[in-house]
Structure formats: structure tokens, C-alpha cells
Amino acid sequence: MAKVEKIDKWLDSAEEEILAKSKKEGATPLAGTKSKSKKHTKFKAFAPANELAQKIQLLLKEAPDSPVFFGKRKLKVKTKEKKRHLFRKKKYPNLTALRVDLNKLTDKGKPDSLNRQKVRNDLKNYPEIPDLHVINAIYTYQDIPRQEKNAIVSQLSQNKLNEVQLQQLRKAIDEIVMAFHNGGLNVFNVNWFIKIYIDYLNVYKGRLTYEYNAIEGRNDKQLVELGKKIKGKQAEIITLLSIKEKLGGISRLSRRLNGTTYLSDSFSVLEIKKAAYAVQSGEPTKTINEDRTAAKIMFVLITILFLLARIPIMKDLVESVLKEIPDEDKPTQLRKRMVLTIMLTTEFEKSLVGEDKQKARDAGDMAYSYCLATINNFVKGNVIKEQYEVDPYLKAIWLVKSSDGLYSQQKYKEMLSQAYKMVNTLSGEQNYLKEPLRETIVDIANRYLYQLDSIMDHHGWLGETESDSWRNRK
């Protein structure tokens, strides 16, 4: 079976290595920071405005901020036999050996060149094996040219290198997501996808910086507007990079599943349905396929979806997988709604850093309304015994405290009033969670309470009459 001991550490260190390299090379981390490169300054001074504008517009279209990222690319692979079901499970004897070879990359070693070539040759005969596509994409990723450590290059040369890197990273991402859409969704593959995705975000952010420096100070109206778009897009990318803070769940899961089929074998649609029905029928330990039980299959799948829901380009995939999970009981419905809530709050976070306040309001309204619907239709008035019953309250409160300045005074006061009641619910007698989870949730609720009070105090709304007092949060 595949091993992942090194992957977790490698994922955690990826961005730090890039930042350290940027400091050594004098790279500009954010739009608006002036470049000291003479060659770069010369390029800025003489490049035609229309040429720069066209280049920037094309770059902005490469932003990984929605499923539009994939454009009209087909996420299906045609097989030679028309009647053959796409990506039907077919035995391929070398997957385990290939994954072992890939683990050398986590040790910064070199993969076997014979294996690399074998994969590319075998894809012609096994186009329906999704894991083979993922492995091929990882080899594509490994072949990306990289700058030697401590090498001193001009920003123009660095940008040319980044252009090539971005194209290859894009190619790898496309192939992995295609495999995901066709039955290749598993923990091992997701770990590699996240690594490549984070690298794409960092390289893309660097490309935005370079193009911003190329137009900074130009008086051309179109370039000024594009400069604003670059800054907004870069802020979004920085927000998306916060996914690194959410890798704890998948990292712990990888360690727990090391050496098992849960790590490297994907779940078929039939397997997912059988597992969901078994759990909902009160048979969580029922064996679904070989040594895999219903409850563990659902746990692994939902954990993967929790992570992918934070990646905007994966929206279509997450929604398609959720549709395959039957939800005839409330726990399953709430878990699925947790995934969808993550997608909505991620969209809000991304919109919040941009200059389009209406877009942020729309995203906030959608996410907040969805949380309220979950509360009113599933958990309101009931005692709270499970974490998935807490989630809509926590997300709704977070949305309220994060929306300061977006709405009219009257509407925001109403939202704050609702948030206070939610805090009371989480810290009051309705909270029947087991310790130490209950203590953790109460602690979070108290921190949110302090933040809500700070907002109220900032606006001067704490001095209301006693009957309408915000501190009388009953």
C-alpha cells in the first residue's frame, strides 16, 4: 500500500520554502511593492500599453477562483471501445509500485525514469484508469523546471520561468481533476492535488506581482483599471492560500489510514450509496467492500469533501459527489449541508477582500441565509448533541462578525441581535455535547461574544435603552 509519512511534512513546508526563496532572490511578494530590477524597469518604460493590457487580461483568466478555471475542457476521457463504461474499474498491477516511487519525491529524491515512461505508455492502453492519470500528472509536476537555490536572476527571467511553471502546473491540475471526476477521488490523490494547487497559487501570485510592477506608474486609463483588478485578484489568492491552515484534518486522516485501502483506493458510486444506507439503517460497522466498513467509508469521504469545498475550482466536483450520497436521515443531511456551507463561506471570504462590495454582500447573504435555513429547519429548539448541529450556529455568527461595514445600520443590528441569541444557544442549557468538545464550543462562543461586543461598542450601540439593550441577549 501507499505510504504518506513524508507528504504531510512536505505540504506544510511548501509555502515556507517559496517565501524563503523569494526573500533571497529579492522577489516582490505583494502588488504595489516597487521592483529594484533595472531590466524590469526598462521593460516597464517601453512596453506598449495595449500589449501589456492584453497580457494582463489573459493572466487574469487563469485565476483559480471558480470552476470557470477549466473553461470548456472536457472532464471525460474517451476509450477505444464505445460501449465500455468510462473509467470502469480495471486491474492495473503496478499502481502500488508507482506510488512507492512517487514517495521519493517527498524526500526530494528523483523518481524512476523507467516508471515515468511506463506510465505515459500505459495510458494509451489504460485510459480508463483514473489513478494512472493522477500519477502521470504528478510526473508532469516533477518535470517542471525550477530555479536553483541561491541563483541570482533578473525578474524578467524569473517571470519567464514562472510562465512555464504555470502552464505545467495547470496541465497537472487539469489531469488530476479529470481523474477525480471519473472515479479517482481518494486521500493519496487529494494530498498530491493540494500540493500542486498550492504551488499554482504561489506561482500565479508571483506572476500577478510582476505584471503589476510592469504597469505601476503608467497613466493609461485601461492599465490603471487593470492594476486595480490585479490587486484585488492577488488579495483573493492570498485568501485561497489560507487552505494551508485547514490541512490538519486530511493530514491526520492520512496517518491513520497509512497502509490501508482507505488511503489509496477510491470509492465507487455504488460503494458510497451502500455505505450511506448502512449508516442510516443503524449498521455503521457493516462491511461494504473487502475490509472497508460503512462508517469509515463515509468518514473518509466527508473529510475529503470538507477540504475540497474550500477550493473554488472544485465546486462542481464537490456538488456531484454530494448528489451521490443518499440523505434519508438528519445526520447525513446536516453533514452534507456542512460541506455546502464551507463552499458558501469560502466564496464570501474571497469576495470580501475584493473591491466589489455588492459582490461581497451577495455572497454574504447567500451564506447567511443558508445557515439560518439549516438552523430553522434542522436544529432550532433541539438540544445539541453532535458537532454537525453546532456548525450552522458557528458559521452564522462568524458571518455576522465578518460583515461589519457591508450592510445598512438597521440590517446589521438585526444580524447582530440574531448572533447574540446564537451565542446564548451554544453556551447555554441546550448544549449537550460531551466533554471536552462542549468546553471547546463554549470557549469559541465566548470569544465570538467578545468580538460582537467590540463591534457594538465601536458603533456606539451598547448604550441602548434597557428594553432594547444589546447586552440583554435573551
Protein backbone atom coordinates (compact mmCIF):
# COMPACT_ATOMS: atom_id res chain seq x y z
CA MET A 1 0.00 0.00 0.00
CA ALA A 2 0.97 3.60 -0.45
CA LYS A 3 2.92 5.41 2.22
CA VAL A 4 2.36 9.04 3.17
CA GLU A 5 4.67 9.70 6.13
CA LYS A 6 6.54 12.41 4.26
CA ILE A 7 3.66 14.03 2.40
CA ASP A 8 2.20 15.86 5.42
CA LYS A 9 5.51 17.46 6.37
CA TRP A 10 6.18 18.33 2.77
CA LEU A 11 2.79 20.01 2.35
CA ASP A 12 3.36 22.11 5.45
CA SER A 13 6.78 23.30 4.32
CA ALA A 14 5.97 24.07 0.68
CA GLU A 15 4.90 27.68 1.07
CA GLU A 16 7.60 28.50 3.59
CA GLU A 17 10.25 27.35 1.09
CA ILE A 18 8.76 29.58 -1.58
CA LEU A 19 8.67 32.58 0.76
CA ALA A 20 12.25 31.98 1.85
CA LYS A 21 13.37 31.72 -1.77
CA SER A 22 11.51 34.95 -2.56
CA LYS A 23 13.39 36.81 0.15
CA LYS A 24 16.77 35.54 -1.06
CA GLU A 25 16.02 36.49 -4.65
CA GLY A 26 14.53 39.86 -3.82
CA ALA A 27 11.17 38.86 -5.28
CA THR A 28 8.23 41.17 -4.65
CA PRO A 29 5.62 39.38 -2.51
CA LEU A 30 2.75 41.83 -2.96
CA ALA A 31 1.36 44.08 -5.68
CA GLY A 32 2.39 47.67 -5.17
CA THR A 33 5.91 46.97 -3.95
CA LYS A 34 8.40 48.56 -6.29
CA SER A 35 10.91 46.40 -8.08
CA LYS A 36 14.63 47.19 -7.91
CA SER A 37 15.48 45.33 -11.11
CA LYS A 38 16.92 47.62 -13.81
CA LYS A 39 15.90 45.26 -16.56
CA HIS A 40 12.40 45.16 -15.19
CA THR A 41 12.21 48.96 -15.04
CA LYS A 42 13.33 49.19 -18.65
CA PHE A 43 10.64 46.74 -19.65
CA LYS A 44 8.06 48.85 -17.82
CA ALA A 45 9.07 52.01 -19.59
CA PHE A 46 8.86 50.81 -23.16
CA ALA A 47 6.26 48.03 -23.31
CA PRO A 48 3.20 49.27 -25.30
CA ALA A 49 0.07 49.77 -23.20
CA ASN A 50 -2.15 47.64 -25.42
CA GLU A 51 0.38 44.78 -25.34
CA LEU A 52 0.55 44.89 -21.54
CA ALA A 53 -3.24 45.11 -21.24
CA GLN A 54 -3.78 42.07 -23.42
CA LYS A 55 -1.20 40.06 -21.49
CA ILE A 56 -2.76 41.00 -18.14
CA GLN A 57 -6.28 40.18 -19.30
CA LEU A 58 -5.12 36.72 -20.34
CA LEU A 59 -3.38 36.23 -16.99
CA LEU A 60 -6.49 37.24 -15.03
CA LYS A 61 -8.41 34.50 -16.84
CA GLU A 62 -6.01 31.96 -15.36
CA ALA A 63 -7.19 32.76 -11.82
CA PRO A 64 -8.20 29.57 -9.96
CA ASP A 65 -11.20 31.24 -8.35
CA SER A 66 -14.17 29.29 -9.78
CA PRO A 67 -14.97 26.22 -11.94
CA VAL A 68 -14.71 28.59 -14.92
CA PHE A 69 -10.98 27.96 -14.47
CA PHE A 70 -11.45 24.78 -16.51
CA GLY A 71 -13.30 26.58 -19.27
CA LYS A 72 -14.78 24.22 -21.83
CA ARG A 73 -12.29 21.46 -21.12
CA LYS A 74 -13.94 18.06 -21.14
CA LEU A 75 -13.53 16.19 -17.90
CA LYS A 76 -14.18 12.82 -19.52
CA VAL A 77 -11.81 10.54 -21.37
CA LYS A 78 -12.90 8.64 -24.47
CA THR A 79 -11.99 4.99 -24.56
CA LYS A 80 -11.41 2.96 -27.68
CA GLU A 81 -14.48 0.83 -27.11
CA LYS A 82 -17.64 2.92 -27.38
CA LYS A 83 -19.71 0.61 -25.23
CA ARG A 84 -17.20 0.45 -22.41
CA HIS A 85 -18.23 2.46 -19.37
CA LEU A 86 -15.78 5.27 -18.77
CA PHE A 87 -13.30 4.59 -16.00
CA ARG A 88 -14.79 1.21 -15.17
CA LYS A 89 -12.54 -0.47 -12.62
CA LYS A 90 -9.85 -2.43 -14.40
CA LYS A 91 -6.87 -4.13 -12.84
CA TYR A 92 -3.55 -2.40 -13.31
CA PRO A 93 -0.81 -4.31 -11.48
CA ASN A 94 1.75 -1.57 -10.91
CA LEU A 95 -0.12 1.17 -9.03
CA THR A 96 1.36 0.31 -5.63
CA ALA A 97 4.91 0.27 -7.01
CA LEU A 98 4.33 3.56 -8.78
CA ARG A 99 3.05 5.20 -5.60
CA VAL A 100 6.11 3.99 -3.71
CA ASP A 101 8.23 5.61 -6.42
CA LEU A 102 6.29 8.84 -6.02
CA ASN A 103 7.06 8.89 -2.30
CA LYS A 104 10.69 9.54 -3.25
CA LEU A 105 9.56 13.00 -4.27
CA THR A 106 8.58 13.77 -0.70
CA ASP A 107 12.19 13.02 0.25
CA LYS A 108 13.31 15.33 -2.58
CA GLY A 109 14.66 12.34 -4.43
CA LYS A 110 14.24 11.52 -8.09
CA PRO A 111 11.52 9.23 -9.45
CA ASP A 112 12.40 6.24 -11.57
CA SER A 113 12.61 7.43 -15.19
CA LEU A 114 11.53 3.99 -16.41
CA ASN A 115 8.37 4.18 -14.31
CA ARG A 116 7.66 7.66 -15.65
CA GLN A 117 7.90 6.48 -19.24
CA LYS A 118 5.93 3.32 -18.50
CA VAL A 119 3.03 5.38 -17.15
CA ARG A 120 2.92 7.52 -20.26
CA ASN A 121 2.98 4.46 -22.49
CA ASP A 122 0.39 2.59 -20.44
CA LEU A 123 -2.05 5.49 -20.58
CA LYS A 124 -2.56 4.64 -24.25
CA ASN A 125 -3.83 1.18 -23.29
CA TYR A 126 -5.37 2.07 -19.93
CA PRO A 127 -7.01 5.50 -20.42
CA GLU A 128 -9.86 4.44 -18.13
CA ILE A 129 -7.64 4.09 -15.01
CA PRO A 130 -8.06 7.39 -13.12
CA ASP A 131 -5.16 6.74 -10.73
CA LEU A 132 -2.84 6.34 -13.69
CA HIS A 133 -3.80 9.83 -14.85
CA VAL A 134 -3.06 11.21 -11.38
CA ILE A 135 0.37 9.56 -11.34
CA ASN A 136 1.08 10.91 -14.82
CA ALA A 137 0.10 14.39 -13.62
CA ILE A 138 2.48 14.07 -10.68
CA TYR A 139 5.31 13.17 -13.04
CA THR A 140 4.35 16.20 -15.14
CA TYR A 141 4.60 18.25 -11.98
CA GLN A 142 8.00 16.78 -11.15
CA ASP A 143 9.28 17.71 -14.63
CA ILE A 144 8.50 21.40 -14.14
CA PRO A 145 11.72 23.47 -14.43
CA ARG A 146 12.74 25.11 -11.18
CA GLN A 147 15.25 27.75 -10.27
CA GLU A 148 18.36 26.57 -8.50
CA LYS A 149 18.73 27.65 -4.89
CA ASN A 150 20.74 30.84 -4.38
CA ALA A 151 20.70 31.50 -8.13
CA ILE A 152 20.61 35.21 -9.00
CA VAL A 153 18.36 36.01 -11.97
CA SER A 154 16.57 39.08 -13.25
CA GLN A 155 12.87 39.48 -12.58
CA LEU A 156 12.27 39.18 -16.31
CA SER A 157 13.99 35.77 -16.35
CA GLN A 158 12.11 34.76 -13.21
CA ASN A 159 8.83 35.75 -14.85
CA LYS A 160 9.62 33.72 -17.97
CA LEU A 161 10.31 30.72 -15.75
CA ASN A 162 7.06 31.31 -13.87
CA GLU A 163 5.13 31.39 -17.14
CA VAL A 164 6.40 27.91 -17.99
CA GLN A 165 5.74 26.69 -14.45
CA LEU A 166 2.19 28.00 -14.54
CA GLN A 167 1.45 26.18 -17.79
CA GLN A 168 2.78 22.87 -16.47
CA LEU A 169 1.04 23.23 -13.11
CA ARG A 170 -2.17 23.95 -14.97
CA LYS A 171 -1.70 20.83 -17.08
CA ALA A 172 -1.19 18.68 -13.98
CA ILE A 173 -4.23 20.16 -12.22
CA ASP A 174 -6.44 19.57 -15.26
CA GLU A 175 -5.48 15.91 -15.47
CA ILE A 176 -5.93 15.24 -11.74
CA VAL A 177 -9.34 16.91 -11.61
CA MET A 178 -10.38 14.94 -14.69
CA ALA A 179 -9.41 11.78 -12.79
CA PHE A 180 -11.39 12.97 -9.74
CA HIS A 181 -14.49 13.41 -11.89
CA ASN A 182 -14.09 9.87 -13.17
CA GLY A 183 -13.61 7.84 -10.03
CA GLY A 184 -10.10 8.75 -8.84
CA LEU A 185 -11.03 10.57 -5.65
CA ASN A 186 -9.00 9.20 -2.74
CA VAL A 187 -6.80 10.51 0.07
CA PHE A 188 -3.49 9.77 -1.65
CA ASN A 189 -4.53 11.61 -4.81
CA VAL A 190 -6.02 14.53 -2.87
CA ASN A 191 -2.75 15.02 -0.96
CA TRP A 192 -0.86 15.40 -4.22
CA PHE A 193 -3.51 17.63 -5.73
CA ILE A 194 -3.31 20.01 -2.77
CA LYS A 195 0.47 20.25 -3.13
CA ILE A 196 0.20 21.13 -6.82
CA TYR A 197 -2.71 23.50 -6.23
CA ILE A 198 -0.80 25.45 -3.55
CA ASP A 199 2.21 25.72 -5.85
CA TYR A 200 -0.06 27.03 -8.61
CA LEU A 201 -1.44 29.71 -6.26
CA ASN A 202 2.06 30.84 -5.29
CA VAL A 203 3.39 30.98 -8.85
CA TYR A 204 0.23 32.74 -10.04
CA LYS A 205 0.58 35.29 -7.24
CA GLY A 206 4.15 35.96 -8.37
CA ARG A 207 3.01 36.46 -11.96
CA LEU A 208 0.41 38.99 -10.81
CA THR A 209 3.10 40.87 -8.91
CA TYR A 210 5.36 41.02 -11.93
CA GLU A 211 2.64 42.36 -14.22
CA TYR A 212 1.56 44.92 -11.63
CA ASN A 213 5.11 46.22 -11.42
CA ALA A 214 5.17 46.45 -15.21
CA ILE A 215 2.26 48.92 -15.24
CA GLU A 216 2.75 50.72 -11.95
CA GLY A 217 3.02 54.47 -12.54
CA ARG A 218 1.60 54.32 -16.07
CA ASN A 219 -1.11 56.93 -16.77
CA ASP A 220 -3.03 54.83 -19.29
CA LYS A 221 -6.65 54.54 -18.08
CA GLN A 222 -7.01 50.89 -19.07
CA LEU A 223 -3.80 49.94 -17.28
CA VAL A 224 -4.89 51.80 -14.14
CA GLU A 225 -8.11 49.77 -14.07
CA LEU A 226 -6.24 46.55 -14.70
CA GLY A 227 -3.88 47.43 -11.86
CA LYS A 228 -6.87 47.55 -9.51
CA LYS A 229 -8.04 44.18 -10.77
CA ILE A 230 -4.59 42.70 -10.22
CA LYS A 231 -4.51 43.91 -6.61
CA GLY A 232 -7.99 42.53 -6.00
CA LYS A 233 -7.11 39.20 -7.57
CA GLN A 234 -3.91 38.95 -5.57
CA ALA A 235 -5.86 39.54 -2.36
CA GLU A 236 -8.17 36.69 -3.37
CA ILE A 237 -5.23 34.38 -3.99
CA ILE A 238 -3.78 35.17 -0.57
CA THR A 239 -7.17 34.27 0.90
CA LEU A 240 -7.23 30.98 -1.01
CA LEU A 241 -3.74 30.17 0.29
CA SER A 242 -5.23 30.03 3.79
CA ILE A 243 -6.23 26.46 2.88
CA LYS A 244 -2.84 25.50 4.31
CA GLU A 245 -4.32 26.20 7.73
CA LYS A 246 -7.04 23.60 7.06
CA LEU A 247 -4.80 20.65 6.16
CA GLY A 248 -4.75 19.23 9.68
CA GLY A 249 -7.79 17.02 9.12
CA ILE A 250 -6.54 15.37 5.93
CA SER A 251 -3.02 15.03 7.38
CA ARG A 252 -4.28 13.22 10.48
CA LEU A 253 -6.52 11.06 8.32
CA SER A 254 -3.58 10.15 6.07
CA ARG A 255 -1.54 8.98 9.03
CA ARG A 256 -4.41 6.93 10.42
CA LEU A 257 -5.08 5.25 7.07
CA ASN A 258 -1.46 4.59 6.18
CA GLY A 259 -1.08 1.14 4.65
CA THR A 260 -4.83 0.58 4.17
CA THR A 261 -7.07 0.58 1.11
CA TYR A 262 -8.85 3.63 2.52
CA LEU A 263 -5.78 5.68 1.64
CA SER A 264 -5.27 4.79 -2.00
CA ASP A 265 -8.43 3.09 -3.28
CA SER A 266 -11.26 5.32 -4.45
CA PHE A 267 -14.90 4.70 -3.58
CA SER A 268 -17.29 3.79 -6.36
CA VAL A 269 -20.75 5.37 -6.56
CA LEU A 270 -22.31 2.03 -5.60
CA GLU A 271 -19.99 1.70 -2.62
CA ILE A 272 -20.88 5.21 -1.44
CA LYS A 273 -24.60 4.52 -1.68
CA LYS A 274 -24.32 1.19 0.13
CA ALA A 275 -22.22 2.76 2.89
CA ALA A 276 -24.63 5.68 3.35
CA TYR A 277 -27.67 3.40 3.52
CA ALA A 278 -25.93 1.10 6.02
CA VAL A 279 -25.05 4.00 8.31
CA GLN A 280 -28.57 5.43 8.06
CA SER A 281 -30.02 1.99 8.85
CA GLY A 282 -28.00 1.72 12.05
CA GLU A 283 -25.32 -0.61 10.67
CA PRO A 284 -22.16 1.55 10.73
CA THR A 285 -19.82 -1.44 11.11
CA LYS A 286 -21.26 -3.31 8.12
CA THR A 287 -18.58 -4.43 5.65
CA ILE A 288 -19.23 -2.86 2.25
CA ASN A 289 -16.24 -3.96 0.21
CA GLU A 290 -13.49 -6.33 1.34
CA ASP A 291 -12.25 -4.85 4.63
CA ARG A 292 -13.97 -1.45 4.37
CA THR A 293 -16.85 -0.61 6.68
CA ALA A 294 -19.76 1.75 6.05
CA ALA A 295 -18.99 4.33 8.75
CA LYS A 296 -15.32 4.60 7.83
CA ILE A 297 -16.09 4.98 4.13
CA MET A 298 -18.44 7.88 4.87
CA PHE A 299 -16.00 9.46 7.34
CA VAL A 300 -13.13 9.41 4.82
CA LEU A 301 -15.33 10.72 2.01
CA ILE A 302 -16.79 13.59 4.05
CA THR A 303 -13.32 14.57 5.33
CA ILE A 304 -12.10 14.82 1.73
CA LEU A 305 -15.13 16.93 0.79
CA PHE A 306 -14.61 19.26 3.76
CA LEU A 307 -11.18 20.11 2.34
CA LEU A 308 -12.11 20.32 -1.35
CA ALA A 309 -15.10 22.54 -0.52
CA ARG A 310 -12.55 25.26 0.35
CA ILE A 311 -11.21 25.22 -3.21
CA PRO A 312 -13.47 27.22 -5.56
CA ILE A 313 -12.42 25.37 -8.73
CA MET A 314 -13.65 22.11 -7.16
CA LYS A 315 -17.23 23.31 -6.69
CA ASP A 316 -18.71 21.17 -9.48
CA LEU A 317 -16.88 18.07 -8.29
CA VAL A 318 -17.97 18.50 -4.66
CA GLU A 319 -21.58 19.04 -5.67
CA SER A 320 -21.56 15.98 -7.95
CA VAL A 321 -20.19 13.75 -5.16
CA LEU A 322 -22.73 15.08 -2.67
CA LYS A 323 -25.54 14.15 -5.04
CA GLU A 324 -24.39 10.53 -4.92
CA ILE A 325 -24.78 10.39 -1.12
CA PRO A 326 -28.36 9.44 -0.14
CA ASP A 327 -29.59 11.53 2.78
CA GLU A 328 -32.61 9.87 4.33
CA ASP A 329 -31.65 10.82 7.88
CA LYS A 330 -30.91 14.14 9.57
CA PRO A 331 -27.24 13.46 10.46
CA THR A 332 -26.36 12.82 6.82
CA GLN A 333 -28.34 15.85 5.68
CA LEU A 334 -26.52 18.05 8.17
CA ARG A 335 -23.10 16.73 7.20
CA LYS A 336 -23.82 17.43 3.55
CA ARG A 337 -25.04 20.91 4.47
CA MET A 338 -21.78 21.46 6.37
CA VAL A 339 -19.89 20.85 3.13
CA LEU A 340 -22.11 23.25 1.18
CA THR A 341 -21.78 25.86 3.94
CA ILE A 342 -17.99 25.68 3.66
CA MET A 343 -18.28 26.36 -0.07
CA LEU A 344 -20.51 29.39 0.56
CA THR A 345 -18.36 30.87 3.34
CA THR A 346 -15.25 30.39 1.20
CA GLU A 347 -16.89 32.35 -1.61
CA PHE A 348 -17.77 35.07 0.91
CA GLU A 349 -14.18 35.22 2.22
CA LYS A 350 -12.87 35.51 -1.32
CA SER A 351 -15.36 38.25 -2.21
CA LEU A 352 -14.78 40.16 1.00
CA VAL A 353 -11.20 41.13 0.11
CA GLY A 354 -12.17 42.49 -3.30
CA GLU A 355 -13.31 45.99 -4.16
CA ASP A 356 -16.80 44.92 -5.26
CA LYS A 357 -18.83 45.36 -2.05
CA GLN A 358 -22.06 44.32 -3.75
CA LYS A 359 -20.50 41.00 -4.70
CA ALA A 360 -19.42 40.52 -1.08
CA ARG A 361 -22.92 41.38 0.15
CA ASP A 362 -24.49 38.91 -2.25
CA ALA A 363 -22.09 36.15 -1.19
CA GLY A 364 -22.67 37.00 2.47
CA ASP A 365 -26.45 37.00 2.06
CA MET A 366 -26.36 33.60 0.37
CA ALA A 367 -24.14 32.02 3.02
CA TYR A 368 -26.00 33.57 5.97
CA SER A 369 -29.43 32.64 4.60
CA TYR A 370 -28.24 29.07 4.11
CA CYS A 371 -27.03 28.89 7.72
CA LEU A 372 -30.35 30.28 9.01
CA ALA A 373 -32.25 27.76 6.91
CA THR A 374 -30.18 24.93 8.40
CA ILE A 375 -30.81 26.21 11.92
CA ASN A 376 -34.56 26.78 11.45
CA ASN A 377 -35.25 23.54 9.58
CA PHE A 378 -32.95 21.10 11.37
CA VAL A 379 -31.67 22.17 14.81
CA LYS A 380 -33.66 25.08 16.26
CA GLY A 381 -35.32 24.28 19.58
CA ASN A 382 -33.48 20.96 19.94
CA VAL A 383 -30.70 20.06 22.32
CA ILE A 384 -27.27 19.97 20.69
CA LYS A 385 -25.57 16.59 20.92
CA GLU A 386 -23.39 16.41 17.81
CA GLN A 387 -20.78 18.67 16.22
CA TYR A 388 -22.72 18.89 12.95
CA GLU A 389 -25.56 20.50 14.94
CA VAL A 390 -23.17 23.19 16.17
CA ASP A 391 -21.74 24.08 12.76
CA PRO A 392 -24.59 26.25 11.38
CA TYR A 393 -24.55 28.38 14.54
CA LEU A 394 -20.79 28.89 14.45
CA LYS A 395 -20.75 29.68 10.73
CA ALA A 396 -23.67 32.13 11.06
CA ILE A 397 -22.02 34.00 13.96
CA TRP A 398 -18.73 34.14 12.05
CA LEU A 399 -20.52 35.57 9.01
CA VAL A 400 -22.15 38.28 11.13
CA LYS A 401 -18.95 39.42 12.82
CA SER A 402 -17.15 39.38 9.45
CA SER A 403 -19.82 41.52 7.75
CA ASP A 404 -19.17 44.74 9.66
CA GLY A 405 -19.46 47.61 7.17
CA LEU A 406 -21.24 45.68 4.43
CA TYR A 407 -24.88 46.32 5.31
CA SER A 408 -27.13 49.16 6.36
CA GLN A 409 -27.15 50.04 10.05
CA GLN A 410 -30.63 48.65 10.60
CA LYS A 411 -29.99 45.33 8.87
CA TYR A 412 -26.66 44.82 10.60
CA LYS A 413 -28.21 45.48 14.01
CA GLU A 414 -30.76 42.75 13.27
CA MET A 415 -27.99 40.35 12.30
CA LEU A 416 -26.07 41.16 15.48
CA SER A 417 -29.18 40.54 17.56
CA GLN A 418 -29.57 37.12 15.94
CA ALA A 419 -25.88 36.36 16.51
CA TYR A 420 -26.18 37.09 20.23
CA LYS A 421 -29.06 34.63 20.51
CA MET A 422 -26.97 32.00 18.73
CA VAL A 423 -24.13 32.57 21.19
CA ASN A 424 -26.57 32.00 24.04
CA THR A 425 -27.71 28.75 22.46
CA LEU A 426 -24.16 27.43 22.20
CA SER A 427 -23.16 28.41 25.72
CA GLY A 428 -26.49 27.64 27.39
CA GLU A 429 -28.51 24.66 28.56
CA GLN A 430 -29.22 23.40 25.03
CA ASN A 431 -25.59 22.41 24.65
CA TYR A 432 -25.48 18.69 25.48
CA LEU A 433 -22.17 17.98 23.77
CA LYS A 434 -19.80 15.61 25.51
CA GLU A 435 -16.68 16.95 27.15
CA PRO A 436 -14.16 18.16 26.15
CA LEU A 437 -15.99 19.20 22.94
CA ARG A 438 -18.61 21.10 24.92
CA GLU A 439 -15.96 23.14 26.71
CA THR A 440 -14.28 23.92 23.37
CA ILE A 441 -17.52 25.13 21.78
CA VAL A 442 -18.39 27.27 24.81
CA ASP A 443 -14.92 28.81 24.67
CA ILE A 444 -15.38 29.65 20.98
CA ALA A 445 -18.82 31.12 21.71
CA ASN A 446 -17.34 33.34 24.43
CA ARG A 447 -14.66 34.60 22.06
CA TYR A 448 -17.31 35.39 19.49
CA LEU A 449 -19.29 37.18 22.22
CA TYR A 450 -16.31 39.42 22.97
CA GLN A 451 -15.91 40.21 19.26
CA LEU A 452 -19.60 41.02 18.87
CA ASP A 453 -19.45 43.32 21.90
CA SER A 454 -16.39 45.05 20.41
CA ILE A 455 -18.32 45.71 17.19
CA MET A 456 -21.28 47.06 19.15
CA ASP A 457 -19.02 49.30 21.21
CA HIS A 458 -17.24 50.57 18.07
CA HIS A 459 -20.53 51.69 16.56
CA GLY A 460 -21.80 53.17 19.84
CA TRP A 461 -24.73 50.77 20.00
CA LEU A 462 -24.19 49.47 23.53
CA GLY A 463 -25.95 52.43 25.11
CA GLU A 464 -29.45 51.40 24.01
CA THR A 465 -32.45 51.60 26.38
CA GLU A 466 -32.70 48.69 28.78
CA SER A 467 -35.63 47.08 26.94
CA ASP A 468 -33.62 47.00 23.73
CA SER A 469 -30.24 46.51 25.34
CA TRP A 470 -27.80 44.53 23.25
CA ARG A 471 -26.31 43.21 26.46
CA ASN A 472 -29.72 41.79 27.43
CA ARG A 473 -29.16 38.99 24.93
CA LYS A 474 -32.18 36.84 25.78
